[in-house]
Amino acid sequence: MLDIIPALLLVTGTVFLVMLILLNKTLYKPLLEFIDNRNNSINRDLENAGKNASDVVAYYQEVETILSEGKMEAAKIREAALNEAKEKAGKRVEQKKSDLEAQSVTFLKALESEKDEFKNGLLAQMPLFKESVAAKLSHI
């Protein structure tokens, strides 16, 4: 029933081996090379991502230090501006005090001179008052 034909077996084996060699060269080797390249690319990208993550952490720390330095510098500038404003306000208050004191002294001098003039005026009119009081007393 089943007869084994050696020539046919040899031709089939040869065709099988030739097909294996052809498939290996045209399909399997390029496919395996593509998979290896892809794996290498993935590994390289993973390494770069790890480096990028460490770079991001370093950049984040750098940003934090820059922000903290900026905040400290802003606080110093604000403090200097406040001190300068306080000094200017103090100088203006002192200037206004001295102006008011000068006005007060001038006013007091003017008041004193008016008081003296009024007193002299009253003293000058004193004889008239005495005469009018004496006249009124004489009528009583």
C-alpha atoms as a PDB file:
ATOM      1  CA  MET A   1       0.000   0.000   0.000  1.00  0.00           C
ATOM      2  CA  LEU A   2       2.384   2.613   1.068  1.00  0.00           C
ATOM      3  CA  ASP A   3       5.482   2.429  -0.859  1.00  0.00           C
ATOM      4  CA  ILE A   4       8.443   4.544   0.063  1.00  0.00           C
ATOM      5  CA  ILE A   5      10.129   5.879  -3.012  1.00  0.00           C
ATOM      6  CA  PRO A   6      13.654   6.914  -2.152  1.00  0.00           C
ATOM      7  CA  ALA A   7      14.007   9.364  -5.052  1.00  0.00           C
ATOM      8  CA  LEU A   8      10.805  11.105  -4.085  1.00  0.00           C
ATOM      9  CA  LEU A   9      11.910  11.117  -0.451  1.00  0.00           C
ATOM     10  CA  LEU A  10      15.242  12.599  -1.458  1.00  0.00           C
ATOM     11  CA  VAL A  11      13.618  15.282  -3.654  1.00  0.00           C
ATOM     12  CA  THR A  12      11.122  16.147  -0.919  1.00  0.00           C
ATOM     13  CA  GLY A  13      13.916  16.384   1.682  1.00  0.00           C
ATOM     14  CA  THR A  14      15.974  18.523  -0.672  1.00  0.00           C
ATOM     15  CA  VAL A  15      13.008  20.821  -1.406  1.00  0.00           C
ATOM     16  CA  PHE A  16      12.329  21.025   2.346  1.00  0.00           C
ATOM     17  CA  LEU A  17      15.958  21.961   3.103  1.00  0.00           C
ATOM     18  CA  VAL A  18      16.065  24.487   0.241  1.00  0.00           C
ATOM     19  CA  MET A  19      12.786  26.029   1.505  1.00  0.00           C
ATOM     20  CA  LEU A  20      14.229  26.197   5.029  1.00  0.00           C
ATOM     21  CA  ILE A  21      17.358  27.931   3.762  1.00  0.00           C
ATOM     22  CA  LEU A  22      15.346  30.367   1.626  1.00  0.00           C
ATOM     23  CA  LEU A  23      12.876  31.135   4.415  1.00  0.00           C
ATOM     24  CA  ASN A  24      15.717  31.588   6.881  1.00  0.00           C
ATOM     25  CA  LYS A  25      17.469  34.072   4.616  1.00  0.00           C
ATOM     26  CA  THR A  26      14.399  35.969   3.408  1.00  0.00           C
ATOM     27  CA  LEU A  27      11.996  35.817   6.328  1.00  0.00           C
ATOM     28  CA  TYR A  28      13.353  34.637   9.655  1.00  0.00           C
ATOM     29  CA  LYS A  29      16.698  36.489   9.765  1.00  0.00           C
ATOM     30  CA  PRO A  30      15.182  39.918   8.800  1.00  0.00           C
ATOM     31  CA  LEU A  31      12.299  39.320  11.193  1.00  0.00           C
ATOM     32  CA  LEU A  32      14.647  38.405  14.058  1.00  0.00           C
ATOM     33  CA  GLU A  33      16.898  41.354  13.169  1.00  0.00           C
ATOM     34  CA  PHE A  34      13.870  43.702  13.209  1.00  0.00           C
ATOM     35  CA  ILE A  35      12.778  42.344  16.614  1.00  0.00           C
ATOM     36  CA  ASP A  36      16.316  42.758  18.019  1.00  0.00           C
ATOM     37  CA  ASN A  37      16.518  46.332  16.687  1.00  0.00           C
ATOM     38  CA  ARG A  38      13.106  47.062  18.159  1.00  0.00           C
ATOM     39  CA  ASN A  39      14.130  45.654  21.566  1.00  0.00           C
ATOM     40  CA  ASN A  40      17.358  47.685  21.472  1.00  0.00           C
ATOM     41  CA  SER A  41      15.386  50.815  20.557  1.00  0.00           C
ATOM     42  CA  ILE A  42      12.945  50.198  23.420  1.00  0.00           C
ATOM     43  CA  ASN A  43      15.796  49.686  25.887  1.00  0.00           C
ATOM     44  CA  ARG A  44      17.541  52.821  24.643  1.00  0.00           C
ATOM     45  CA  ASP A  45      14.294  54.808  24.980  1.00  0.00           C
ATOM     46  CA  LEU A  46      13.790  53.462  28.504  1.00  0.00           C
ATOM     47  CA  GLU A  47      17.310  54.552  29.456  1.00  0.00           C
ATOM     48  CA  ASN A  48      16.683  57.988  27.952  1.00  0.00           C
ATOM     49  CA  ALA A  49      13.402  58.220  29.820  1.00  0.00           C
ATOM     50  CA  GLY A  50      15.225  57.394  33.062  1.00  0.00           C
ATOM     51  CA  LYS A  51      17.801  60.062  32.290  1.00  0.00           C
ATOM     52  CA  ASN A  52      15.027  62.494  31.419  1.00  0.00           C
ATOM     53  CA  ALA A  53      13.301  61.735  34.716  1.00  0.00           C
ATOM     54  CA  SER A  54      16.500  62.478  36.612  1.00  0.00           C
ATOM     55  CA  ASP A  55      16.960  65.613  34.493  1.00  0.00           C
ATOM     56  CA  VAL A  56      13.414  66.663  35.294  1.00  0.00           C
ATOM     57  CA  VAL A  57      14.103  66.207  39.013  1.00  0.00           C
ATOM     58  CA  ALA A  58      17.285  68.259  38.666  1.00  0.00           C
ATOM     59  CA  TYR A  59      15.420  70.963  36.736  1.00  0.00           C
ATOM     60  CA  TYR A  60      12.651  70.944  39.336  1.00  0.00           C
ATOM     61  CA  GLN A  61      15.201  71.430  42.111  1.00  0.00           C
ATOM     62  CA  GLU A  62      16.868  74.203  40.114  1.00  0.00           C
ATOM     63  CA  VAL A  63      13.515  75.902  39.611  1.00  0.00           C
ATOM     64  CA  GLU A  64      12.790  75.608  43.335  1.00  0.00           C
ATOM     65  CA  THR A  65      16.138  77.183  44.243  1.00  0.00           C
ATOM     66  CA  ILE A  66      15.597  79.988  41.714  1.00  0.00           C
ATOM     67  CA  LEU A  67      12.117  80.617  43.100  1.00  0.00           C
ATOM     68  CA  SER A  68      13.332  80.641  46.695  1.00  0.00           C
ATOM     69  CA  GLU A  69      16.178  83.015  45.790  1.00  0.00           C
ATOM     70  CA  GLY A  70      13.692  85.228  43.945  1.00  0.00           C
ATOM     71  CA  LYS A  71      11.359  85.258  46.937  1.00  0.00           C
ATOM     72  CA  MET A  72      14.230  86.159  49.264  1.00  0.00           C
ATOM     73  CA  GLU A  73      15.370  88.916  46.903  1.00  0.00           C
ATOM     74  CA  ALA A  74      11.806  90.219  46.624  1.00  0.00           C
ATOM     75  CA  ALA A  75      11.532  90.230  50.423  1.00  0.00           C
ATOM     76  CA  LYS A  76      14.795  92.192  50.661  1.00  0.00           C
ATOM     77  CA  ILE A  77      13.598  94.690  48.055  1.00  0.00           C
ATOM     78  CA  ARG A  78      10.245  95.031  49.814  1.00  0.00           C
ATOM     79  CA  GLU A  79      12.004  95.532  53.167  1.00  0.00           C
ATOM     80  CA  ALA A  80      14.327  98.153  51.659  1.00  0.00           C
ATOM     81  CA  ALA A  81      11.364  99.951  50.082  1.00  0.00           C
ATOM     82  CA  LEU A  82       9.484  99.901  53.388  1.00  0.00           C
ATOM     83  CA  ASN A  83      12.506 101.244  55.245  1.00  0.00           C
ATOM     84  CA  GLU A  84      12.993 103.969  52.646  1.00  0.00           C
ATOM     85  CA  ALA A  85       9.297 104.887  52.825  1.00  0.00           C
ATOM     86  CA  LYS A  86       9.481 104.995  56.634  1.00  0.00           C
ATOM     87  CA  GLU A  87      12.538 107.242  56.456  1.00  0.00           C
ATOM     88  CA  LYS A  88      10.834 109.589  53.990  1.00  0.00           C
ATOM     89  CA  ALA A  89       7.674 109.636  56.100  1.00  0.00           C
ATOM     90  CA  GLY A  90       9.743 110.304  59.241  1.00  0.00           C
ATOM     91  CA  LYS A  91      11.549 113.148  57.503  1.00  0.00           C
ATOM     92  CA  ARG A  92       8.263 114.626  56.305  1.00  0.00           C
ATOM     93  CA  VAL A  93       6.796 114.325  59.817  1.00  0.00           C
ATOM     94  CA  GLU A  94       9.860 116.021  61.303  1.00  0.00           C
ATOM     95  CA  GLN A  95       9.706 118.722  58.627  1.00  0.00           C
ATOM     96  CA  LYS A  96       6.019 119.274  59.318  1.00  0.00           C
ATOM     97  CA  LYS A  97       6.680 119.367  63.085  1.00  0.00           C
ATOM     98  CA  SER A  98       9.396 121.952  62.650  1.00  0.00           C
ATOM     99  CA  ASP A  99       7.127 124.001  60.324  1.00  0.00           C
ATOM    100  CA  LEU A 100       4.294 123.810  62.851  1.00  0.00           C
ATOM    101  CA  GLU A 101       6.620 124.753  65.687  1.00  0.00           C
ATOM    102  CA  ALA A 102       7.854 127.744  63.694  1.00  0.00           C
ATOM    103  CA  GLN A 103       4.253 128.743  62.964  1.00  0.00           C
ATOM    104  CA  SER A 104       3.396 128.266  66.641  1.00  0.00           C
ATOM    105  CA  VAL A 105       6.301 130.492  67.717  1.00  0.00           C
ATOM    106  CA  THR A 106       5.295 133.106  65.147  1.00  0.00           C
ATOM    107  CA  PHE A 107       1.669 132.934  66.293  1.00  0.00           C
ATOM    108  CA  LEU A 108       2.674 133.210  69.960  1.00  0.00           C
ATOM    109  CA  LYS A 109       4.855 136.238  69.187  1.00  0.00           C
ATOM    110  CA  ALA A 110       2.019 137.840  67.242  1.00  0.00           C
ATOM    111  CA  LEU A 111      -0.392 137.043  70.079  1.00  0.00           C
ATOM    112  CA  GLU A 112       2.000 138.512  72.635  1.00  0.00           C
ATOM    113  CA  SER A 113       2.427 141.679  70.558  1.00  0.00           C
ATOM    114  CA  GLU A 114      -1.367 141.969  70.164  1.00  0.00           C
ATOM    115  CA  LYS A 115      -1.727 141.451  73.925  1.00  0.00           C
ATOM    116  CA  ASP A 116       0.809 144.189  74.574  1.00  0.00           C
ATOM    117  CA  GLU A 117      -0.937 146.522  72.087  1.00  0.00           C
ATOM    118  CA  PHE A 118      -4.330 145.792  73.663  1.00  0.00           C
ATOM    119  CA  LYS A 119      -2.896 146.347  77.160  1.00  0.00           C
ATOM    120  CA  ASN A 120      -1.262 149.621  76.093  1.00  0.00           C
ATOM    121  CA  GLY A 121      -4.503 150.640  74.422  1.00  0.00           C
ATOM    122  CA  LEU A 122      -6.433 149.882  77.608  1.00  0.00           C
ATOM    123  CA  LEU A 123      -3.875 151.711  79.729  1.00  0.00           C
ATOM    124  CA  ALA A 124      -4.112 154.678  77.381  1.00  0.00           C
ATOM    125  CA  GLN A 125      -7.870 154.739  77.785  1.00  0.00           C
ATOM    126  CA  MET A 126      -7.715 154.190  81.569  1.00  0.00           C
ATOM    127  CA  PRO A 127      -8.029 157.880  82.447  1.00  0.00           C
ATOM    128  CA  LEU A 128     -11.183 158.061  80.345  1.00  0.00           C
ATOM    129  CA  PHE A 129     -12.629 155.043  82.146  1.00  0.00           C
ATOM    130  CA  LYS A 130     -11.754 156.560  85.504  1.00  0.00           C
ATOM    131  CA  GLU A 131     -13.471 159.802  84.549  1.00  0.00           C
ATOM    132  CA  SER A 132     -16.568 158.026  83.263  1.00  0.00           C
ATOM    133  CA  VAL A 133     -16.712 155.831  86.413  1.00  0.00           C
ATOM    134  CA  ALA A 134     -16.238 158.889  88.606  1.00  0.00           C
ATOM    135  CA  ALA A 135     -18.993 160.701  86.665  1.00  0.00           C
ATOM    136  CA  LYS A 136     -21.365 157.791  87.078  1.00  0.00           C
ATOM    137  CA  LEU A 137     -20.532 157.508  90.774  1.00  0.00           C
ATOM    138  CA  SER A 138     -21.151 161.192  91.218  1.00  0.00           C
ATOM    139  CA  HIS A 139     -24.597 160.761  89.694  1.00  0.00           C
ATOM    140  CA  ILE A 140     -25.483 158.202  92.273  1.00  0.00           C
END
